[in-house]
Amino acid sequence: MSNESNAQAVISYIERLLATRPEVKAFEADGIEVPFVVSGGELLQLRSLVDDYLPRPRRRKGTATFTDQTSFEQHVNRFKNEASTLWATRSSEGVELRCVLNYHPSGDALPEHGDHVGVYSCPASEEWLAWQEENATWMSQSEFASFLEDRERDIVGSDKAPDDVRAAMERLGRVIAEPLDLVALARGLRVHVRSEVQNETNLQTGECEIQFKTEHSAQRGGQTVVVPGAFVVQIPIFERGEEVQLGVLLRYRVTDGIKWRYDLYRPTKVLEDAFHQACESASKETALPLFFGTPEA
């Protein structure tokens, strides 16, 4: 619609109001008078028109969204009062921390509007998404070698393994590899990407040894690649969040070539722990009560 058409519409509306002799009336609700214009069977609330001309809003309201938890906590500390509350939810759709800054006071005090809110949706980190995407997925030798090379920076030494991961690997009879072991594995797989498996051996250390056929007949016995049973990665679960250590089980199968996969150790628990860690941090940094669930609509 053109500016001329908009202007004409406004003029026509004003003319219609004037033609119907508009009246200003006030309705009382809970001791508060609310002025209205009655014209042609329509009710127009004057307050919404007047608010646009006030030097400042009557009260704070609206929703602020944040991409990191520190900013969320700083915003809460800036606007909180004695009735403000934190709310936390975790579902298949994601994780969220929410603060209702003008929440209802406790006891018999008058209720508040509950419409001044801060929200942090705990976005997943790039590292967590990368490891989750390929988790429990069989890959070709070339694909797996490329994945290990791409994620080499996430792999840490066995001394970083959490106690529960270390105990679980011991029960499973798996030795936790060092970063250099994974680098050697990736390079070995890259070299033998077109080679056939000649033999595989389970070692007493819990590792496996794969022997590849060589293309030169003068070279006997082939070349071997040692496959560790597990390793540890250290990554943040949420963007700009604290890093956590995850155990990773390494698997392979020899059927029409060789396929590779890894399995994150108890990823659901890792996510749950990160969620509760974020909740504890928010509660500690803001000194506000924390509820698990959603506030009244």
C-alpha atoms as a PDB file:
ATOM      1  CA  MET A   1       0.000   0.000   0.000  1.00  0.00           C
ATOM      2  CA  SER A   2       1.408   3.450  -0.979  1.00  0.00           C
ATOM      3  CA  ASN A   3       1.994   6.332   1.460  1.00  0.00           C
ATOM      4  CA  GLU A   4      -0.887   8.199  -0.208  1.00  0.00           C
ATOM      5  CA  SER A   5      -3.210   5.261   0.402  1.00  0.00           C
ATOM      6  CA  ASN A   6      -2.085   5.022   4.039  1.00  0.00           C
ATOM      7  CA  ALA A   7      -2.701   8.716   4.574  1.00  0.00           C
ATOM      8  CA  GLN A   8      -6.144   8.495   2.987  1.00  0.00           C
ATOM      9  CA  ALA A   9      -7.032   5.535   5.211  1.00  0.00           C
ATOM     10  CA  VAL A  10      -6.098   7.509   8.336  1.00  0.00           C
ATOM     11  CA  ILE A  11      -8.091  10.536   7.147  1.00  0.00           C
ATOM     12  CA  SER A  12     -11.114   8.360   6.429  1.00  0.00           C
ATOM     13  CA  TYR A  13     -10.877   6.744   9.859  1.00  0.00           C
ATOM     14  CA  ILE A  14     -10.736  10.132  11.637  1.00  0.00           C
ATOM     15  CA  GLU A  15     -13.655  11.411   9.582  1.00  0.00           C
ATOM     16  CA  ARG A  16     -15.663   8.323  10.540  1.00  0.00           C
ATOM     17  CA  LEU A  17     -14.901   8.845  14.218  1.00  0.00           C
ATOM     18  CA  LEU A  18     -15.913  12.494  14.073  1.00  0.00           C
ATOM     19  CA  ALA A  19     -19.095  11.694  12.181  1.00  0.00           C
ATOM     20  CA  THR A  20     -20.216   9.295  14.897  1.00  0.00           C
ATOM     21  CA  ARG A  21     -19.637  11.745  17.766  1.00  0.00           C
ATOM     22  CA  PRO A  22     -17.062   9.734  19.790  1.00  0.00           C
ATOM     23  CA  GLU A  23     -17.374   9.727  23.595  1.00  0.00           C
ATOM     24  CA  VAL A  24     -14.646   9.275  26.188  1.00  0.00           C
ATOM     25  CA  LYS A  25     -15.673   6.953  29.018  1.00  0.00           C
ATOM     26  CA  ALA A  26     -13.902   5.320  31.930  1.00  0.00           C
ATOM     27  CA  PHE A  27     -14.327   1.767  33.157  1.00  0.00           C
ATOM     28  CA  GLU A  28     -13.292   0.834  36.682  1.00  0.00           C
ATOM     29  CA  ALA A  29     -11.420  -2.407  37.371  1.00  0.00           C
ATOM     30  CA  ASP A  30     -10.065  -3.171  40.850  1.00  0.00           C
ATOM     31  CA  GLY A  31     -10.141   0.497  41.735  1.00  0.00           C
ATOM     32  CA  ILE A  32      -8.345   1.588  38.584  1.00  0.00           C
ATOM     33  CA  GLU A  33     -10.068   3.752  35.988  1.00  0.00           C
ATOM     34  CA  VAL A  34      -9.339   2.765  32.409  1.00  0.00           C
ATOM     35  CA  PRO A  35     -10.311   5.430  29.820  1.00  0.00           C
ATOM     36  CA  PHE A  36     -11.821   4.372  26.485  1.00  0.00           C
ATOM     37  CA  VAL A  37     -13.101   6.123  23.380  1.00  0.00           C
ATOM     38  CA  VAL A  38     -16.493   4.792  22.259  1.00  0.00           C
ATOM     39  CA  SER A  39     -17.172   5.506  18.615  1.00  0.00           C
ATOM     40  CA  GLY A  40     -19.350   3.739  16.094  1.00  0.00           C
ATOM     41  CA  GLY A  41     -19.619   0.645  18.227  1.00  0.00           C
ATOM     42  CA  GLU A  42     -15.833   0.432  18.660  1.00  0.00           C
ATOM     43  CA  LEU A  43     -13.866   0.651  21.910  1.00  0.00           C
ATOM     44  CA  LEU A  44     -10.443   2.276  21.687  1.00  0.00           C
ATOM     45  CA  GLN A  45      -8.203   2.090  24.747  1.00  0.00           C
ATOM     46  CA  LEU A  46      -6.488   5.439  25.222  1.00  0.00           C
ATOM     47  CA  ARG A  47      -3.674   4.145  27.381  1.00  0.00           C
ATOM     48  CA  SER A  48      -2.013   2.250  24.539  1.00  0.00           C
ATOM     49  CA  LEU A  49      -2.067   5.453  22.472  1.00  0.00           C
ATOM     50  CA  VAL A  50      -0.753   7.609  25.326  1.00  0.00           C
ATOM     51  CA  ASP A  51       2.089   5.185  26.191  1.00  0.00           C
ATOM     52  CA  ASP A  52       3.821   5.972  22.897  1.00  0.00           C
ATOM     53  CA  TYR A  53       4.248   9.579  24.043  1.00  0.00           C
ATOM     54  CA  LEU A  54       5.511   8.925  27.572  1.00  0.00           C
ATOM     55  CA  PRO A  55       9.170   9.860  28.248  1.00  0.00           C
ATOM     56  CA  ARG A  56       9.806   6.286  29.427  1.00  0.00           C
ATOM     57  CA  PRO A  57       7.903   2.974  29.802  1.00  0.00           C
ATOM     58  CA  ARG A  58       5.677   2.509  32.850  1.00  0.00           C
ATOM     59  CA  ARG A  59       7.595  -0.666  33.825  1.00  0.00           C
ATOM     60  CA  ARG A  60      10.176  -3.121  32.519  1.00  0.00           C
ATOM     61  CA  LYS A  61       8.950  -6.004  30.380  1.00  0.00           C
ATOM     62  CA  GLY A  62      10.044  -8.156  27.449  1.00  0.00           C
ATOM     63  CA  THR A  63      12.343 -11.130  26.847  1.00  0.00           C
ATOM     64  CA  ALA A  64      16.127 -10.936  26.433  1.00  0.00           C
ATOM     65  CA  THR A  65      17.899 -13.926  24.823  1.00  0.00           C
ATOM     66  CA  PHE A  66      21.551 -14.825  25.344  1.00  0.00           C
ATOM     67  CA  THR A  67      24.154 -16.921  23.530  1.00  0.00           C
ATOM     68  CA  ASP A  68      26.398 -17.589  26.522  1.00  0.00           C
ATOM     69  CA  GLN A  69      25.747 -18.239  30.178  1.00  0.00           C
ATOM     70  CA  THR A  70      27.971 -15.488  31.556  1.00  0.00           C
ATOM     71  CA  SER A  71      25.939 -12.795  29.768  1.00  0.00           C
ATOM     72  CA  PHE A  72      22.720 -14.405  31.013  1.00  0.00           C
ATOM     73  CA  GLU A  73      23.960 -14.324  34.620  1.00  0.00           C
ATOM     74  CA  GLN A  74      25.171 -10.714  34.314  1.00  0.00           C
ATOM     75  CA  HIS A  75      21.762  -9.639  32.979  1.00  0.00           C
ATOM     76  CA  VAL A  76      20.006 -11.405  35.852  1.00  0.00           C
ATOM     77  CA  ASN A  77      22.239  -9.716  38.430  1.00  0.00           C
ATOM     78  CA  ARG A  78      21.564  -6.328  36.857  1.00  0.00           C
ATOM     79  CA  PHE A  79      17.758  -6.509  37.053  1.00  0.00           C
ATOM     80  CA  LYS A  80      16.906  -9.080  39.739  1.00  0.00           C
ATOM     81  CA  ASN A  81      14.962  -8.341  42.898  1.00  0.00           C
ATOM     82  CA  GLU A  82      14.016 -10.351  45.975  1.00  0.00           C
ATOM     83  CA  ALA A  83      11.200 -12.128  44.076  1.00  0.00           C
ATOM     84  CA  SER A  84      13.138 -13.078  40.913  1.00  0.00           C
ATOM     85  CA  THR A  85      13.406 -16.806  40.139  1.00  0.00           C
ATOM     86  CA  LEU A  86      15.407 -19.154  37.892  1.00  0.00           C
ATOM     87  CA  TRP A  87      13.775 -21.948  35.873  1.00  0.00           C
ATOM     88  CA  ALA A  88      15.488 -24.845  34.098  1.00  0.00           C
ATOM     89  CA  THR A  89      14.131 -27.333  31.546  1.00  0.00           C
ATOM     90  CA  ARG A  90      15.707 -30.225  29.651  1.00  0.00           C
ATOM     91  CA  SER A  91      13.850 -32.108  26.940  1.00  0.00           C
ATOM     92  CA  SER A  92      14.349 -33.679  23.521  1.00  0.00           C
ATOM     93  CA  GLU A  93      14.108 -30.173  22.075  1.00  0.00           C
ATOM     94  CA  GLY A  94      17.080 -28.916  24.071  1.00  0.00           C
ATOM     95  CA  VAL A  95      18.147 -27.296  27.325  1.00  0.00           C
ATOM     96  CA  GLU A  96      17.054 -23.891  28.616  1.00  0.00           C
ATOM     97  CA  LEU A  97      17.714 -21.606  31.564  1.00  0.00           C
ATOM     98  CA  ARG A  98      15.172 -18.858  32.176  1.00  0.00           C
ATOM     99  CA  CYS A  99      14.908 -16.065  34.729  1.00  0.00           C
ATOM    100  CA  VAL A 100      11.612 -14.351  35.512  1.00  0.00           C
ATOM    101  CA  LEU A 101      12.842 -11.058  36.889  1.00  0.00           C
ATOM    102  CA  ASN A 102       9.429  -9.728  37.998  1.00  0.00           C
ATOM    103  CA  TYR A 103       8.039 -12.971  39.426  1.00  0.00           C
ATOM    104  CA  HIS A 104       5.322 -13.156  42.097  1.00  0.00           C
ATOM    105  CA  PRO A 105       6.547 -12.463  45.641  1.00  0.00           C
ATOM    106  CA  SER A 106       6.067 -15.245  48.151  1.00  0.00           C
ATOM    107  CA  GLY A 107       3.293 -15.355  50.711  1.00  0.00           C
ATOM    108  CA  ASP A 108       0.209 -13.140  50.504  1.00  0.00           C
ATOM    109  CA  ALA A 109       1.928 -10.296  48.630  1.00  0.00           C
ATOM    110  CA  LEU A 110       0.261  -9.025  45.466  1.00  0.00           C
ATOM    111  CA  PRO A 111       1.201 -10.876  42.258  1.00  0.00           C
ATOM    112  CA  GLU A 112       3.459  -9.474  39.567  1.00  0.00           C
ATOM    113  CA  HIS A 113       3.187  -9.553  35.784  1.00  0.00           C
ATOM    114  CA  GLY A 114       6.015 -12.060  35.231  1.00  0.00           C
ATOM    115  CA  ASP A 115       6.800 -10.655  31.793  1.00  0.00           C
ATOM    116  CA  HIS A 116      10.363  -9.372  32.248  1.00  0.00           C
ATOM    117  CA  VAL A 117      12.414 -12.423  31.307  1.00  0.00           C
ATOM    118  CA  GLY A 118      15.939 -13.524  30.381  1.00  0.00           C
ATOM    119  CA  VAL A 119      16.500 -16.769  28.429  1.00  0.00           C
ATOM    120  CA  TYR A 120      19.659 -18.785  27.721  1.00  0.00           C
ATOM    121  CA  SER A 121      18.997 -21.771  25.455  1.00  0.00           C
ATOM    122  CA  CYS A 122      22.342 -23.523  26.108  1.00  0.00           C
ATOM    123  CA  PRO A 123      23.349 -23.985  22.432  1.00  0.00           C
ATOM    124  CA  ALA A 124      25.411 -27.107  21.798  1.00  0.00           C
ATOM    125  CA  SER A 125      29.093 -26.571  21.051  1.00  0.00           C
ATOM    126  CA  GLU A 126      30.615 -27.338  17.649  1.00  0.00           C
ATOM    127  CA  GLU A 127      32.745 -30.050  19.266  1.00  0.00           C
ATOM    128  CA  TRP A 128      29.782 -31.827  20.891  1.00  0.00           C
ATOM    129  CA  LEU A 129      27.782 -31.711  17.666  1.00  0.00           C
ATOM    130  CA  ALA A 130      30.709 -33.152  15.679  1.00  0.00           C
ATOM    131  CA  TRP A 131      31.216 -36.118  18.017  1.00  0.00           C
ATOM    132  CA  GLN A 132      27.473 -36.715  18.338  1.00  0.00           C
ATOM    133  CA  GLU A 133      26.926 -36.672  14.574  1.00  0.00           C
ATOM    134  CA  GLU A 134      29.220 -39.637  13.871  1.00  0.00           C
ATOM    135  CA  ASN A 135      28.631 -41.486  17.131  1.00  0.00           C
ATOM    136  CA  ALA A 136      27.912 -45.223  16.632  1.00  0.00           C
ATOM    137  CA  THR A 137      28.137 -44.798  12.840  1.00  0.00           C
ATOM    138  CA  TRP A 138      30.152 -47.245  10.768  1.00  0.00           C
ATOM    139  CA  MET A 139      32.660 -45.465   8.539  1.00  0.00           C
ATOM    140  CA  SER A 140      35.003 -46.536   5.792  1.00  0.00           C
ATOM    141  CA  GLN A 141      38.696 -46.601   6.570  1.00  0.00           C
ATOM    142  CA  SER A 142      39.280 -43.355   4.677  1.00  0.00           C
ATOM    143  CA  GLU A 143      36.336 -41.607   6.388  1.00  0.00           C
ATOM    144  CA  PHE A 144      37.461 -42.715   9.836  1.00  0.00           C
ATOM    145  CA  ALA A 145      41.061 -41.637   9.235  1.00  0.00           C
ATOM    146  CA  SER A 146      39.836 -38.202   8.111  1.00  0.00           C
ATOM    147  CA  PHE A 147      37.583 -37.902  11.173  1.00  0.00           C
ATOM    148  CA  LEU A 148      40.437 -38.670  13.567  1.00  0.00           C
ATOM    149  CA  GLU A 149      42.671 -36.151  11.821  1.00  0.00           C
ATOM    150  CA  ASP A 150      39.966 -33.464  11.941  1.00  0.00           C
ATOM    151  CA  ARG A 151      39.212 -33.998  15.643  1.00  0.00           C
ATOM    152  CA  GLU A 152      42.781 -34.601  16.819  1.00  0.00           C
ATOM    153  CA  ARG A 153      42.704 -31.400  18.917  1.00  0.00           C
ATOM    154  CA  ASP A 154      39.893 -32.839  21.085  1.00  0.00           C
ATOM    155  CA  ILE A 155      41.813 -35.962  22.124  1.00  0.00           C
ATOM    156  CA  VAL A 156      43.622 -35.846  25.489  1.00  0.00           C
ATOM    157  CA  GLY A 157      45.808 -38.202  27.512  1.00  0.00           C
ATOM    158  CA  SER A 158      44.613 -41.077  29.650  1.00  0.00           C
ATOM    159  CA  ASP A 159      45.443 -39.069  32.788  1.00  0.00           C
ATOM    160  CA  LYS A 160      42.408 -36.853  31.967  1.00  0.00           C
ATOM    161  CA  ALA A 161      39.986 -39.785  32.093  1.00  0.00           C
ATOM    162  CA  PRO A 162      37.284 -39.381  34.790  1.00  0.00           C
ATOM    163  CA  ASP A 163      37.250 -42.041  37.489  1.00  0.00           C
ATOM    164  CA  ASP A 164      33.995 -43.603  36.248  1.00  0.00           C
ATOM    165  CA  VAL A 165      35.364 -43.852  32.690  1.00  0.00           C
ATOM    166  CA  ARG A 166      38.633 -45.349  33.903  1.00  0.00           C
ATOM    167  CA  ALA A 167      36.788 -47.930  36.016  1.00  0.00           C
ATOM    168  CA  ALA A 168      34.453 -48.807  33.129  1.00  0.00           C
ATOM    169  CA  MET A 169      37.365 -49.322  30.703  1.00  0.00           C
ATOM    170  CA  GLU A 170      39.062 -51.592  33.230  1.00  0.00           C
ATOM    171  CA  ARG A 171      35.884 -53.676  33.549  1.00  0.00           C
ATOM    172  CA  LEU A 172      35.663 -53.907  29.760  1.00  0.00           C
ATOM    173  CA  GLY A 173      39.309 -54.868  29.489  1.00  0.00           C
ATOM    174  CA  ARG A 174      40.183 -51.833  27.354  1.00  0.00           C
ATOM    175  CA  VAL A 175      43.323 -49.744  27.590  1.00  0.00           C
ATOM    176  CA  ILE A 176      42.875 -45.979  27.209  1.00  0.00           C
ATOM    177  CA  ALA A 177      45.101 -44.722  24.414  1.00  0.00           C
ATOM    178  CA  GLU A 178      47.310 -41.638  24.419  1.00  0.00           C
ATOM    179  CA  PRO A 179      46.853 -38.906  21.760  1.00  0.00           C
ATOM    180  CA  LEU A 180      49.949 -40.052  19.853  1.00  0.00           C
ATOM    181  CA  ASP A 181      48.440 -43.548  19.603  1.00  0.00           C
ATOM    182  CA  LEU A 182      45.413 -42.091  17.805  1.00  0.00           C
ATOM    183  CA  VAL A 183      47.638 -40.004  15.522  1.00  0.00           C
ATOM    184  CA  ALA A 184      49.603 -43.144  14.634  1.00  0.00           C
ATOM    185  CA  LEU A 185      46.359 -45.027  14.020  1.00  0.00           C
ATOM    186  CA  ALA A 186      45.033 -42.321  11.681  1.00  0.00           C
ATOM    187  CA  ARG A 187      48.294 -42.275   9.715  1.00  0.00           C
ATOM    188  CA  GLY A 188      48.418 -46.054   9.545  1.00  0.00           C
ATOM    189  CA  LEU A 189      44.856 -46.229   8.251  1.00  0.00           C
ATOM    190  CA  ARG A 190      45.606 -43.539   5.692  1.00  0.00           C
ATOM    191  CA  VAL A 191      48.634 -45.488   4.390  1.00  0.00           C
ATOM    192  CA  HIS A 192      46.708 -48.766   4.157  1.00  0.00           C
ATOM    193  CA  VAL A 193      43.418 -47.364   2.907  1.00  0.00           C
ATOM    194  CA  ARG A 194      43.553 -49.613  -0.192  1.00  0.00           C
ATOM    195  CA  SER A 195      45.153 -52.627   1.474  1.00  0.00           C
ATOM    196  CA  GLU A 196      43.467 -55.868   2.433  1.00  0.00           C
ATOM    197  CA  VAL A 197      43.414 -57.188   5.992  1.00  0.00           C
ATOM    198  CA  GLN A 198      45.686 -60.211   6.281  1.00  0.00           C
ATOM    199  CA  ASN A 199      45.336 -60.976   9.970  1.00  0.00           C
ATOM    200  CA  GLU A 200      43.965 -59.543  13.215  1.00  0.00           C
ATOM    201  CA  THR A 201      45.119 -60.343  16.742  1.00  0.00           C
ATOM    202  CA  ASN A 202      43.744 -59.489  20.183  1.00  0.00           C
ATOM    203  CA  LEU A 203      46.637 -58.402  22.401  1.00  0.00           C
ATOM    204  CA  GLN A 204      46.882 -58.955  26.150  1.00  0.00           C
ATOM    205  CA  THR A 205      46.894 -55.180  26.641  1.00  0.00           C
ATOM    206  CA  GLY A 206      43.272 -55.012  25.470  1.00  0.00           C
ATOM    207  CA  GLU A 207      44.318 -53.549  22.132  1.00  0.00           C
ATOM    208  CA  CYS A 208      43.989 -55.175  18.726  1.00  0.00           C
ATOM    209  CA  GLU A 209      46.582 -55.529  16.023  1.00  0.00           C
ATOM    210  CA  ILE A 210      45.585 -55.514  12.360  1.00  0.00           C
ATOM    211  CA  GLN A 211      48.013 -56.809   9.766  1.00  0.00           C
ATOM    212  CA  PHE A 212      47.605 -55.510   6.223  1.00  0.00           C
ATOM    213  CA  LYS A 213      48.811 -57.237   3.070  1.00  0.00           C
ATOM    214  CA  THR A 214      51.592 -55.436   1.254  1.00  0.00           C
ATOM    215  CA  GLU A 215      51.651 -54.881  -2.473  1.00  0.00           C
ATOM    216  CA  HIS A 216      55.319 -55.930  -2.773  1.00  0.00           C
ATOM    217  CA  SER A 217      55.907 -59.692  -2.785  1.00  0.00           C
ATOM    218  CA  ALA A 218      59.446 -59.251  -1.455  1.00  0.00           C
ATOM    219  CA  GLN A 219      58.041 -57.792   1.800  1.00  0.00           C
ATOM    220  CA  ARG A 220      56.934 -60.657   4.021  1.00  0.00           C
ATOM    221  CA  GLY A 221      54.332 -60.664   6.727  1.00  0.00           C
ATOM    222  CA  GLY A 222      52.740 -57.340   5.786  1.00  0.00           C
ATOM    223  CA  GLN A 223      52.547 -54.219   7.984  1.00  0.00           C
ATOM    224  CA  THR A 224      50.620 -53.874  11.223  1.00  0.00           C
ATOM    225  CA  VAL A 225      48.499 -51.157  12.782  1.00  0.00           C
ATOM    226  CA  VAL A 226      47.742 -51.206  16.511  1.00  0.00           C
ATOM    227  CA  VAL A 227      44.119 -50.379  17.373  1.00  0.00           C
ATOM    228  CA  PRO A 228      43.550 -49.089  20.931  1.00  0.00           C
ATOM    229  CA  GLY A 229      40.415 -50.084  22.784  1.00  0.00           C
ATOM    230  CA  ALA A 230      39.414 -46.622  23.995  1.00  0.00           C
ATOM    231  CA  PHE A 231      40.477 -43.001  24.258  1.00  0.00           C
ATOM    232  CA  VAL A 232      39.387 -39.754  25.946  1.00  0.00           C
ATOM    233  CA  VAL A 233      38.204 -36.462  24.455  1.00  0.00           C
ATOM    234  CA  GLN A 234      37.886 -33.162  26.288  1.00  0.00           C
ATOM    235  CA  ILE A 235      35.274 -30.800  24.863  1.00  0.00           C
ATOM    236  CA  PRO A 236      32.625 -28.296  25.971  1.00  0.00           C
ATOM    237  CA  ILE A 237      29.046 -29.536  25.742  1.00  0.00           C
ATOM    238  CA  PHE A 238      27.570 -26.041  25.413  1.00  0.00           C
ATOM    239  CA  GLU A 239      29.033 -23.091  23.510  1.00  0.00           C
ATOM    240  CA  ARG A 240      31.629 -21.282  25.650  1.00  0.00           C
ATOM    241  CA  GLY A 241      30.887 -23.749  28.435  1.00  0.00           C
ATOM    242  CA  GLU A 242      33.271 -25.652  30.657  1.00  0.00           C
ATOM    243  CA  GLU A 243      35.119 -28.557  29.054  1.00  0.00           C
ATOM    244  CA  VAL A 244      34.324 -32.083  30.192  1.00  0.00           C
ATOM    245  CA  GLN A 245      36.065 -35.396  29.589  1.00  0.00           C
ATOM    246  CA  LEU A 246      34.298 -38.205  27.724  1.00  0.00           C
ATOM    247  CA  GLY A 247      35.340 -41.807  27.286  1.00  0.00           C
ATOM    248  CA  VAL A 248      35.201 -43.172  23.714  1.00  0.00           C
ATOM    249  CA  LEU A 249      35.109 -46.869  22.775  1.00  0.00           C
ATOM    250  CA  LEU A 250      36.763 -47.786  19.482  1.00  0.00           C
ATOM    251  CA  ARG A 251      35.356 -50.630  17.354  1.00  0.00           C
ATOM    252  CA  TYR A 252      36.002 -52.164  13.961  1.00  0.00           C
ATOM    253  CA  ARG A 253      34.766 -55.077  11.872  1.00  0.00           C
ATOM    254  CA  VAL A 254      36.286 -56.940   8.960  1.00  0.00           C
ATOM    255  CA  THR A 255      33.573 -57.807   6.435  1.00  0.00           C
ATOM    256  CA  ASP A 256      34.185 -57.037   2.799  1.00  0.00           C
ATOM    257  CA  GLY A 257      36.940 -54.647   3.795  1.00  0.00           C
ATOM    258  CA  ILE A 258      37.215 -52.986   7.180  1.00  0.00           C
ATOM    259  CA  LYS A 259      34.726 -50.632   8.828  1.00  0.00           C
ATOM    260  CA  TRP A 260      35.276 -48.377  11.829  1.00  0.00           C
ATOM    261  CA  ARG A 261      33.123 -46.715  14.463  1.00  0.00           C
ATOM    262  CA  TYR A 262      33.361 -45.184  17.893  1.00  0.00           C
ATOM    263  CA  ASP A 263      30.830 -45.082  20.747  1.00  0.00           C
ATOM    264  CA  LEU A 264      30.725 -42.250  23.237  1.00  0.00           C
ATOM    265  CA  TYR A 265      30.555 -43.650  26.749  1.00  0.00           C
ATOM    266  CA  ARG A 266      27.188 -42.750  28.328  1.00  0.00           C
ATOM    267  CA  PRO A 267      26.552 -39.557  26.312  1.00  0.00           C
ATOM    268  CA  THR A 268      23.118 -39.041  27.877  1.00  0.00           C
ATOM    269  CA  LYS A 269      24.676 -38.865  31.344  1.00  0.00           C
ATOM    270  CA  VAL A 270      27.360 -36.500  30.053  1.00  0.00           C
ATOM    271  CA  LEU A 271      24.660 -34.142  28.735  1.00  0.00           C
ATOM    272  CA  GLU A 272      22.667 -34.428  31.955  1.00  0.00           C
ATOM    273  CA  ASP A 273      25.762 -33.636  34.058  1.00  0.00           C
ATOM    274  CA  ALA A 274      26.524 -30.595  31.880  1.00  0.00           C
ATOM    275  CA  PHE A 275      22.924 -29.410  32.293  1.00  0.00           C
ATOM    276  CA  HIS A 276      23.058 -29.671  36.078  1.00  0.00           C
ATOM    277  CA  GLN A 277      26.468 -28.002  36.093  1.00  0.00           C
ATOM    278  CA  ALA A 278      24.991 -25.053  34.159  1.00  0.00           C
ATOM    279  CA  CYS A 279      22.076 -24.905  36.614  1.00  0.00           C
ATOM    280  CA  GLU A 280      24.375 -24.921  39.646  1.00  0.00           C
ATOM    281  CA  SER A 281      26.512 -22.175  38.121  1.00  0.00           C
ATOM    282  CA  ALA A 282      23.481 -19.960  37.412  1.00  0.00           C
ATOM    283  CA  SER A 283      22.089 -20.457  40.910  1.00  0.00           C
ATOM    284  CA  LYS A 284      25.464 -19.751  42.520  1.00  0.00           C
ATOM    285  CA  GLU A 285      26.314 -16.687  40.413  1.00  0.00           C
ATOM    286  CA  THR A 286      22.886 -15.056  40.830  1.00  0.00           C
ATOM    287  CA  ALA A 287      21.988 -16.251  44.347  1.00  0.00           C
ATOM    288  CA  LEU A 288      18.416 -16.927  43.175  1.00  0.00           C
ATOM    289  CA  PRO A 289      16.170 -19.943  43.842  1.00  0.00           C
ATOM    290  CA  LEU A 290      16.144 -22.488  41.005  1.00  0.00           C
ATOM    291  CA  PHE A 291      13.081 -24.468  39.909  1.00  0.00           C
ATOM    292  CA  PHE A 292      13.077 -27.327  37.401  1.00  0.00           C
ATOM    293  CA  GLY A 293      10.119 -26.764  35.088  1.00  0.00           C
ATOM    294  CA  THR A 294       8.354 -23.809  33.480  1.00  0.00           C
ATOM    295  CA  PRO A 295       6.748 -20.775  35.155  1.00  0.00           C
ATOM    296  CA  GLU A 296       3.091 -19.872  34.820  1.00  0.00           C
ATOM    297  CA  ALA A 297       2.175 -18.598  31.370  1.00  0.00           C
END
